[in-house]
Protein backbone atom coordinates (compact mmCIF):
# COMPACT_ATOMS: atom_id res chain seq x y z
CA UNK A 1 49.45 205.95 9.55
CA UNK A 2 45.91 206.16 10.92
CA UNK A 3 47.10 204.47 14.12
CA UNK A 4 50.75 205.51 14.30
CA UNK A 5 50.29 209.30 14.02
CA UNK A 6 47.95 209.67 17.03
CA UNK A 7 50.36 207.53 19.07
CA UNK A 8 53.44 209.39 17.87
CA UNK A 9 54.99 206.15 16.63
CA UNK A 10 57.81 207.06 14.25
CA UNK A 11 60.96 205.60 12.73
CA UNK A 12 64.08 207.30 11.40
CA UNK A 13 64.73 206.85 7.69
CA UNK A 14 68.26 206.33 6.30
CA UNK A 15 68.21 210.05 5.47
CA UNK A 16 67.59 210.88 9.13
CA UNK A 17 63.96 212.00 8.79
CA UNK A 18 61.34 210.88 11.28
CA UNK A 19 58.28 209.38 9.61
CA UNK A 20 55.20 207.66 11.02
CA UNK A 21 55.42 203.88 10.99
CA UNK A 22 53.00 201.94 8.85
CA UNK A 23 50.76 199.93 11.13
CA UNK A 24 48.04 197.44 10.59
CA UNK A 25 45.33 196.50 12.99
CA UNK A 26 44.12 192.95 12.78
CA UNK A 27 41.52 191.56 15.05
CA UNK A 28 39.25 188.61 15.38
CA UNK A 29 35.66 189.39 16.16
CA UNK A 30 33.28 187.35 18.22
CA UNK A 31 31.46 185.97 15.19
CA UNK A 32 34.71 184.76 13.61
CA UNK A 33 35.84 183.28 16.89
CA UNK A 34 32.56 181.40 17.38
CA UNK A 35 32.73 180.13 13.82
CA UNK A 36 36.27 178.86 14.34
CA UNK A 37 35.35 177.17 17.63
CA UNK A 38 32.37 175.43 16.04
CA UNK A 39 34.39 174.39 12.98
CA UNK A 40 36.98 172.77 15.23
CA UNK A 41 34.45 171.23 17.66
CA UNK A 42 31.56 169.50 15.95
CA UNK A 43 30.41 166.15 14.68
CA UNK A 44 27.55 164.87 12.54
CA UNK A 45 25.07 165.53 15.38
CA UNK A 46 25.99 169.18 15.93
CA UNK A 47 28.23 171.44 17.99
CA UNK A 48 30.44 170.16 20.83
CA UNK A 49 31.17 173.27 22.90
CA UNK A 50 34.49 173.29 24.75
CA UNK A 51 33.87 173.72 28.47
CA UNK A 52 35.66 177.08 28.54
CA UNK A 53 33.31 178.79 26.07
CA UNK A 54 30.00 176.94 26.31
CA UNK A 55 26.87 179.07 26.67
CA UNK A 56 25.62 176.68 29.39
CA UNK A 57 27.81 174.13 31.19
CA UNK A 58 25.10 171.47 31.37
CA UNK A 59 21.68 170.61 30.03
CA UNK A 60 18.98 168.94 32.11
CA UNK A 61 16.62 166.62 30.22
CA UNK A 62 13.36 165.62 31.87
CA UNK A 63 12.26 162.33 30.30
CA UNK A 64 8.74 162.46 31.78
CA UNK A 65 7.49 166.03 31.80
CA UNK A 66 4.47 166.22 34.11
CA UNK A 67 5.67 163.44 36.41
CA UNK A 68 5.78 164.96 39.89
CA UNK A 69 9.00 163.24 40.96
CA UNK A 70 10.84 163.96 37.69
CA UNK A 71 9.70 167.60 37.64
CA UNK A 72 10.76 168.09 41.27
CA UNK A 73 14.14 166.40 40.71
CA UNK A 74 14.85 168.58 37.66
CA UNK A 75 13.89 171.69 39.59
CA UNK A 76 16.14 170.65 42.47
CA UNK A 77 19.05 169.95 40.09
CA UNK A 78 18.58 173.33 38.42
CA UNK A 79 18.53 175.11 41.79
CA UNK A 80 21.55 173.18 43.11
CA UNK A 81 23.59 174.01 40.01
CA UNK A 82 22.53 177.67 40.19
CA UNK A 83 23.57 177.77 43.87
CA UNK A 84 27.06 176.74 42.69
CA UNK A 85 27.09 179.54 40.11
CA UNK A 86 26.25 177.31 37.15
CA UNK A 87 23.37 178.13 34.81
CA UNK A 88 21.81 174.97 33.35
CA UNK A 89 19.66 174.73 30.23
CA UNK A 90 16.53 172.85 31.32
CA UNK A 91 14.60 171.05 28.57
CA UNK A 92 11.13 170.72 30.01
CA UNK A 93 9.35 170.42 26.66
CA UNK A 94 6.66 167.79 26.30
CA UNK A 95 8.60 165.93 23.59
CA UNK A 96 9.83 162.40 22.98
CA UNK A 97 13.12 161.51 24.68
CA UNK A 98 14.83 161.04 21.31
CA UNK A 99 13.86 164.54 20.20
CA UNK A 100 15.21 166.02 23.43
CA UNK A 101 18.49 164.12 23.08
CA UNK A 102 18.83 165.22 19.44
CA UNK A 103 18.25 168.85 20.43
CA UNK A 104 20.84 168.66 23.21
CA UNK A 105 23.35 167.07 20.80
CA UNK A 106 22.68 169.78 18.21
CA UNK A 107 23.13 172.59 20.76
CA UNK A 108 26.27 170.81 21.94
CA UNK A 109 26.44 171.54 25.66
CA UNK A 110 29.42 169.64 27.12
CA UNK A 111 27.33 167.74 29.70
CA UNK A 112 23.77 166.42 29.95
CA UNK A 113 21.94 165.25 33.06
CA UNK A 114 19.04 162.96 32.16
CA UNK A 115 16.25 162.57 34.70
CA UNK A 116 13.54 159.93 34.45
CA UNK A 117 11.12 158.15 36.79
CA UNK A 118 12.87 154.77 36.50
CA UNK A 119 16.29 156.16 37.43
CA UNK A 120 14.85 158.32 40.20
CA UNK A 121 13.20 155.25 41.75
CA UNK A 122 16.76 153.96 42.23
CA UNK A 123 18.01 157.38 43.35
CA UNK A 124 19.95 157.90 40.10
CA UNK A 125 20.26 160.31 37.19
CA UNK A 126 22.46 159.88 34.13
CA UNK A 127 25.41 162.19 33.44
CA UNK A 128 26.56 162.13 29.80
CA UNK A 129 29.56 163.74 28.11
CA UNK A 130 28.69 165.26 24.73
CA UNK A 131 32.30 164.90 23.53
CA UNK A 132 32.75 161.18 24.31
CA UNK A 133 29.14 160.01 24.58
CA UNK A 134 30.03 158.18 27.80
CA UNK A 135 27.27 158.04 30.40
CA UNK A 136 27.35 157.26 34.07
CA UNK A 137 24.52 156.76 36.54
CA UNK A 138 24.90 158.55 39.87
CA UNK A 139 22.90 160.34 42.50
CA UNK A 140 21.63 163.82 41.59
CA UNK A 141 23.93 165.28 44.26
CA UNK A 142 26.95 163.50 42.77
CA UNK A 143 26.05 164.83 39.31
CA UNK A 144 25.91 168.40 40.63
CA UNK A 145 29.22 167.91 42.46
CA UNK A 146 30.87 166.46 39.33
CA UNK A 147 29.74 169.38 37.15
CA UNK A 148 30.80 171.88 39.83
CA UNK A 149 34.25 170.23 40.04
CA UNK A 150 34.68 170.36 36.26
CA UNK A 151 33.91 174.09 36.19
CA UNK A 152 35.68 175.04 39.44
CA UNK A 153 37.89 178.06 38.86
CA UNK A 154 36.48 178.89 35.41
């Protein structure tokens, strides 16, 4: 009756008396919700965030930290995504590529844009889906447009 009395929620008994209804309040907190989402969306590498609840829509991996072209391209991608209202997680650590990929898989962002000197020489970056593992090479602009289209209206 903790909830029903303040609201004046009553029922009439068979004897005709009005009594407060017995109510329960059940809720799901953020921590339970996150746990349920992760339990339903993971693999052996880590979390696979659904696009509707991901902390960041995309991660940017710089394969050659310190390379002027790669650093500039990553900065431009970050700025272009931000201009479209999308906050990217930029991995600019001076680590091996495998370590960066493993970290991105563990965190589980739905999309990863990989930037390296070899791809940039051809005007390409790699866009990878965390859920399917499928990758596609495209221009940096096309990668930004693809991510923006995926998250349009969210």
